[in-house]
Amino acid sequence: MEANRGQGGIQLLLAAEQEAQHIVNAARSAKMARLKQAKEEAEKEIAEFRAQMEAEFQRKVAESSGDTGSNVKRLEQETEAKIQHLKMEASSISHEVVHMLLKHVTTVKY
């Protein structure tokens, strides 16, 4: 009877060991599944963040290139206005300058 009892204890220990092994395997599987899920979630968040940053970058590039175009246009207009102003001033005093030059060229000093 004692031998039967010893055999039963060993069988009980083997069954408990098998159950513990199943529990450990299930925990490992759950851990691996959760790691895989976490990795997928992280990749999704990274992709969303990258898309958001790219959109913001493209928006800033568009704004700055638009500003550059308007700045160039504004500078061209200002330059043209200054050129017209200088031409107008030159034409208004050109007669006086020619008269002054002729006076100095034709005047003889001893």
N, C-alpha and C. Protein backbone atom coordinates (compact mmCIF):
# COMPACT_ATOMS: atom_id res chain seq x y z
N MET A 1 0.79 -1.16 0.00
CA MET A 1 0.00 0.00 0.00
C MET A 1 0.84 1.25 0.00
N GLU A 2 1.90 1.17 0.75
CA GLU A 2 2.84 2.29 0.80
C GLU A 2 3.39 2.57 -0.58
N ALA A 3 3.67 1.54 -1.35
CA ALA A 3 4.22 1.71 -2.69
C ALA A 3 3.19 2.39 -3.57
N ASN A 4 1.93 2.01 -3.38
CA ASN A 4 0.85 2.67 -4.15
C ASN A 4 0.77 4.15 -3.81
N ARG A 5 0.89 4.42 -2.57
CA ARG A 5 0.82 5.79 -2.12
C ARG A 5 1.98 6.60 -2.69
N GLY A 6 3.18 6.05 -2.73
CA GLY A 6 4.35 6.70 -3.30
C GLY A 6 4.18 6.95 -4.78
N GLN A 7 3.61 5.94 -5.45
CA GLN A 7 3.34 6.08 -6.89
C GLN A 7 2.33 7.18 -7.13
N GLY A 8 1.31 7.26 -6.30
CA GLY A 8 0.27 8.29 -6.44
C GLY A 8 0.85 9.67 -6.23
N GLY A 9 1.76 9.78 -5.26
CA GLY A 9 2.41 11.08 -5.02
C GLY A 9 3.26 11.50 -6.21
N ILE A 10 3.98 10.54 -6.80
CA ILE A 10 4.81 10.85 -7.95
C ILE A 10 3.92 11.28 -9.13
N GLN A 11 2.82 10.53 -9.32
CA GLN A 11 1.89 10.88 -10.39
C GLN A 11 1.31 12.27 -10.17
N LEU A 12 1.01 12.58 -8.92
CA LEU A 12 0.47 13.90 -8.58
C LEU A 12 1.50 14.99 -8.86
N LEU A 13 2.75 14.72 -8.50
CA LEU A 13 3.81 15.69 -8.78
C LEU A 13 4.01 15.87 -10.29
N LEU A 14 3.98 14.79 -11.04
CA LEU A 14 4.13 14.88 -12.50
C LEU A 14 2.98 15.67 -13.12
N ALA A 15 1.78 15.44 -12.63
CA ALA A 15 0.62 16.18 -13.14
C ALA A 15 0.75 17.65 -12.80
N ALA A 16 1.20 17.97 -11.59
CA ALA A 16 1.37 19.36 -11.20
C ALA A 16 2.47 20.01 -12.04
N GLU A 17 3.53 19.27 -12.31
CA GLU A 17 4.61 19.80 -13.13
C GLU A 17 4.12 20.08 -14.55
N GLN A 18 3.32 19.17 -15.08
CA GLN A 18 2.76 19.36 -16.42
C GLN A 18 1.83 20.58 -16.45
N GLU A 19 1.03 20.73 -15.44
CA GLU A 19 0.13 21.88 -15.36
C GLU A 19 0.93 23.18 -15.26
N ALA A 20 1.99 23.14 -14.45
CA ALA A 20 2.84 24.33 -14.32
C ALA A 20 3.49 24.66 -15.66
N GLN A 21 3.90 23.64 -16.38
CA GLN A 21 4.51 23.85 -17.70
C GLN A 21 3.51 24.46 -18.66
N HIS A 22 2.27 24.01 -18.61
CA HIS A 22 1.21 24.59 -19.46
C HIS A 22 0.98 26.06 -19.10
N ILE A 23 0.98 26.36 -17.82
CA ILE A 23 0.78 27.74 -17.36
C ILE A 23 1.93 28.63 -17.85
N VAL A 24 3.17 28.13 -17.72
CA VAL A 24 4.34 28.90 -18.17
C VAL A 24 4.29 29.11 -19.68
N ASN A 25 3.94 28.07 -20.43
CA ASN A 25 3.84 28.20 -21.89
C ASN A 25 2.75 29.20 -22.28
N ALA A 26 1.63 29.15 -21.59
CA ALA A 26 0.55 30.10 -21.87
C ALA A 26 1.00 31.53 -21.56
N ALA A 27 1.72 31.71 -20.47
CA ALA A 27 2.23 33.04 -20.11
C ALA A 27 3.23 33.53 -21.16
N ARG A 28 4.10 32.65 -21.62
CA ARG A 28 5.06 33.03 -22.67
C ARG A 28 4.33 33.44 -23.95
N SER A 29 3.34 32.65 -24.31
CA SER A 29 2.57 32.97 -25.52
C SER A 29 1.87 34.31 -25.38
N ALA A 30 1.28 34.55 -24.21
CA ALA A 30 0.60 35.82 -23.97
C ALA A 30 1.60 36.97 -24.02
N LYS A 31 2.77 36.75 -23.44
CA LYS A 31 3.80 37.78 -23.44
C LYS A 31 4.24 38.09 -24.87
N MET A 32 4.47 37.07 -25.67
CA MET A 32 4.90 37.27 -27.05
C MET A 32 3.81 37.99 -27.85
N ALA A 33 2.55 37.61 -27.62
CA ALA A 33 1.45 38.26 -28.32
C ALA A 33 1.37 39.74 -27.93
N ARG A 34 1.55 40.03 -26.65
CA ARG A 34 1.48 41.42 -26.18
C ARG A 34 2.66 42.23 -26.73
N LEU A 35 3.84 41.63 -26.79
CA LEU A 35 5.00 42.31 -27.37
C LEU A 35 4.77 42.63 -28.84
N LYS A 36 4.19 41.66 -29.55
CA LYS A 36 3.89 41.87 -30.97
C LYS A 36 2.87 42.99 -31.13
N GLN A 37 1.85 42.98 -30.29
CA GLN A 37 0.82 44.02 -30.35
C GLN A 37 1.42 45.39 -30.02
N ALA A 38 2.27 45.45 -29.01
CA ALA A 38 2.91 46.71 -28.63
C ALA A 38 3.79 47.23 -29.76
N LYS A 39 4.50 46.34 -30.42
CA LYS A 39 5.35 46.74 -31.54
C LYS A 39 4.50 47.30 -32.68
N GLU A 40 3.40 46.65 -32.98
CA GLU A 40 2.51 47.13 -34.05
C GLU A 40 1.93 48.50 -33.70
N GLU A 41 1.52 48.67 -32.42
CA GLU A 41 0.98 49.96 -31.99
C GLU A 41 2.04 51.06 -32.10
N ALA A 42 3.27 50.73 -31.70
CA ALA A 42 4.36 51.71 -31.77
C ALA A 42 4.65 52.08 -33.22
N GLU A 43 4.67 51.10 -34.11
CA GLU A 43 4.92 51.39 -35.52
C GLU A 43 3.80 52.27 -36.10
N LYS A 44 2.57 52.01 -35.67
CA LYS A 44 1.44 52.82 -36.14
C LYS A 44 1.59 54.27 -35.65
N GLU A 45 1.94 54.44 -34.37
CA GLU A 45 2.13 55.79 -33.82
C GLU A 45 3.29 56.50 -34.52
N ILE A 46 4.36 55.77 -34.80
CA ILE A 46 5.50 56.36 -35.49
C ILE A 46 5.09 56.82 -36.89
N ALA A 47 4.34 55.99 -37.59
CA ALA A 47 3.90 56.35 -38.94
C ALA A 47 3.00 57.59 -38.90
N GLU A 48 2.09 57.66 -37.93
CA GLU A 48 1.21 58.83 -37.80
C GLU A 48 2.02 60.08 -37.49
N PHE A 49 2.98 59.95 -36.57
CA PHE A 49 3.82 61.10 -36.20
C PHE A 49 4.65 61.56 -37.40
N ARG A 50 5.22 60.60 -38.11
CA ARG A 50 6.02 60.94 -39.29
C ARG A 50 5.17 61.65 -40.33
N ALA A 51 3.95 61.17 -40.57
CA ALA A 51 3.06 61.80 -41.53
C ALA A 51 2.71 63.21 -41.09
N GLN A 52 2.46 63.39 -39.80
CA GLN A 52 2.13 64.71 -39.26
C GLN A 52 3.32 65.67 -39.43
N MET A 53 4.51 65.22 -39.10
CA MET A 53 5.70 66.06 -39.24
C MET A 53 5.97 66.39 -40.70
N GLU A 54 5.78 65.42 -41.58
CA GLU A 54 5.99 65.66 -43.01
C GLU A 54 5.00 66.69 -43.54
N ALA A 55 3.73 66.58 -43.11
CA ALA A 55 2.72 67.55 -43.54
C ALA A 55 3.07 68.95 -43.04
N GLU A 56 3.52 69.04 -41.79
CA GLU A 56 3.90 70.34 -41.24
C GLU A 56 5.11 70.91 -41.99
N PHE A 57 6.07 70.05 -42.31
CA PHE A 57 7.24 70.49 -43.06
C PHE A 57 6.84 71.00 -44.45
N GLN A 58 5.98 70.24 -45.12
CA GLN A 58 5.53 70.65 -46.46
C GLN A 58 4.78 71.98 -46.40
N ARG A 59 3.99 72.16 -45.34
CA ARG A 59 3.24 73.41 -45.17
C ARG A 59 4.20 74.58 -44.99
N LYS A 60 5.24 74.37 -44.16
CA LYS A 60 6.22 75.43 -43.94
C LYS A 60 7.01 75.74 -45.20
N VAL A 61 7.35 74.70 -45.95
CA VAL A 61 8.07 74.91 -47.21
C VAL A 61 7.20 75.71 -48.17
N ALA A 62 5.92 75.36 -48.24
CA ALA A 62 5.00 76.08 -49.13
C ALA A 62 4.87 77.53 -48.70
N GLU A 63 4.77 77.75 -47.39
CA GLU A 63 4.65 79.13 -46.88
C GLU A 63 5.90 79.93 -47.19
N SER A 64 7.06 79.34 -46.94
CA SER A 64 8.31 80.09 -47.14
C SER A 64 8.55 80.35 -48.62
N SER A 65 8.22 79.40 -49.47
CA SER A 65 8.42 79.63 -50.90
C SER A 65 7.41 80.67 -51.39
N GLY A 66 6.22 80.68 -50.82
CA GLY A 66 5.23 81.69 -51.17
C GLY A 66 5.71 83.06 -50.72
N ASP A 67 6.29 83.14 -49.53
CA ASP A 67 6.83 84.40 -49.04
C ASP A 67 7.97 84.87 -49.92
N THR A 68 8.81 83.95 -50.33
CA THR A 68 9.94 84.31 -51.16
C THR A 68 9.44 84.90 -52.48
N GLY A 69 8.44 84.29 -53.06
CA GLY A 69 7.89 84.80 -54.30
C GLY A 69 7.30 86.18 -54.12
N SER A 70 6.56 86.40 -53.04
CA SER A 70 5.97 87.71 -52.81
C SER A 70 7.04 88.73 -52.45
N ASN A 71 8.09 88.29 -51.73
CA ASN A 71 9.19 89.20 -51.42
C ASN A 71 9.91 89.63 -52.69
N VAL A 72 10.15 88.70 -53.58
CA VAL A 72 10.82 89.02 -54.83
C VAL A 72 9.97 90.00 -55.63
N LYS A 73 8.68 89.75 -55.69
CA LYS A 73 7.79 90.63 -56.43
C LYS A 73 7.78 92.03 -55.80
N ARG A 74 7.71 92.09 -54.48
CA ARG A 74 7.70 93.37 -53.79
C ARG A 74 9.00 94.12 -54.04
N LEU A 75 10.14 93.41 -53.96
CA LEU A 75 11.43 94.04 -54.21
C LEU A 75 11.54 94.55 -55.64
N GLU A 76 11.03 93.79 -56.59
CA GLU A 76 11.06 94.23 -57.98
C GLU A 76 10.24 95.50 -58.16
N GLN A 77 9.08 95.56 -57.50
CA GLN A 77 8.24 96.76 -57.59
C GLN A 77 8.93 97.95 -56.96
N GLU A 78 9.55 97.76 -55.80
CA GLU A 78 10.26 98.86 -55.14
C GLU A 78 11.43 99.34 -56.00
N THR A 79 12.16 98.38 -56.58
CA THR A 79 13.29 98.74 -57.44
C THR A 79 12.82 99.53 -58.65
N GLU A 80 11.77 99.08 -59.27
CA GLU A 80 11.23 99.78 -60.43
C GLU A 80 10.77 101.19 -60.06
N ALA A 81 10.15 101.34 -58.91
CA ALA A 81 9.71 102.67 -58.46
C ALA A 81 10.91 103.58 -58.23
N LYS A 82 11.98 103.05 -57.64
CA LYS A 82 13.18 103.86 -57.40
C LYS A 82 13.83 104.25 -58.73
N ILE A 83 13.87 103.34 -59.67
CA ILE A 83 14.44 103.64 -60.99
C ILE A 83 13.64 104.75 -61.66
N GLN A 84 12.33 104.66 -61.61
CA GLN A 84 11.48 105.70 -62.21
C GLN A 84 11.71 107.04 -61.53
N HIS A 85 11.84 107.03 -60.20
CA HIS A 85 12.09 108.26 -59.45
C HIS A 85 13.42 108.88 -59.87
N LEU A 86 14.47 108.05 -59.98
CA LEU A 86 15.78 108.56 -60.39
C LEU A 86 15.75 109.10 -61.82
N LYS A 87 15.05 108.41 -62.70
CA LYS A 87 14.94 108.91 -64.08
C LYS A 87 14.24 110.26 -64.11
N MET A 88 13.19 110.38 -63.33
CA MET A 88 12.44 111.63 -63.30
C MET A 88 13.32 112.76 -62.74
N GLU A 89 14.04 112.51 -61.68
CA GLU A 89 14.93 113.53 -61.12
C GLU A 89 16.03 113.89 -62.11
N ALA A 90 16.59 112.87 -62.77
CA ALA A 90 17.66 113.14 -63.74
C ALA A 90 17.14 113.97 -64.90
N SER A 91 15.96 113.66 -65.38
CA SER A 91 15.43 114.44 -66.50
C SER A 91 15.10 115.87 -66.09
N SER A 92 14.71 116.07 -64.82
CA SER A 92 14.37 117.43 -64.39
C SER A 92 15.61 118.30 -64.20
N ILE A 93 16.76 117.73 -63.89
CA ILE A 93 17.95 118.56 -63.67
C ILE A 93 18.98 118.40 -64.79
N SER A 94 18.68 117.58 -65.78
CA SER A 94 19.67 117.36 -66.85
C SER A 94 19.98 118.65 -67.60
N HIS A 95 18.99 119.50 -67.81
CA HIS A 95 19.22 120.77 -68.52
C HIS A 95 20.20 121.63 -67.71
N GLU A 96 20.02 121.68 -66.41
CA GLU A 96 20.91 122.48 -65.56
C GLU A 96 22.33 121.92 -65.56
N VAL A 97 22.45 120.60 -65.53
CA VAL A 97 23.77 119.96 -65.51
C VAL A 97 24.50 120.25 -66.83
N VAL A 98 23.78 120.15 -67.95
CA VAL A 98 24.39 120.41 -69.25
C VAL A 98 24.85 121.87 -69.30
N HIS A 99 24.01 122.78 -68.84
CA HIS A 99 24.36 124.21 -68.84
C HIS A 99 25.61 124.45 -67.98
N MET A 100 25.68 123.84 -66.80
CA MET A 100 26.82 124.01 -65.91
C MET A 100 28.10 123.45 -66.56
N LEU A 101 28.01 122.30 -67.17
CA LEU A 101 29.18 121.70 -67.82
C LEU A 101 29.67 122.58 -68.97
N LEU A 102 28.74 123.07 -69.78
CA LEU A 102 29.13 123.95 -70.89
C LEU A 102 29.81 125.22 -70.36
N LYS A 103 29.29 125.76 -69.28
CA LYS A 103 29.86 126.97 -68.69
C LYS A 103 31.29 126.71 -68.24
N HIS A 104 31.53 125.58 -67.58
CA HIS A 104 32.89 125.28 -67.09
C HIS A 104 33.85 124.95 -68.24
N VAL A 105 33.34 124.31 -69.26
CA VAL A 105 34.19 123.93 -70.38
C VAL A 105 34.55 125.17 -71.22
N THR A 106 33.61 126.04 -71.37
CA THR A 106 33.84 127.20 -72.23
C THR A 106 34.50 128.38 -71.51
N THR A 107 34.54 128.37 -70.22
CA THR A 107 35.17 129.45 -69.47
C THR A 107 36.67 129.21 -69.39
N VAL A 108 37.42 130.24 -69.77
CA VAL A 108 38.86 130.13 -69.74
C VAL A 108 39.37 130.93 -68.55
N LYS A 109 40.20 130.32 -67.77
CA LYS A 109 40.77 131.00 -66.61
C LYS A 109 42.23 131.23 -66.88
N TYR A 110 42.71 132.40 -66.45
CA TYR A 110 44.14 132.75 -66.63
C TYR A 110 44.91 132.48 -65.43
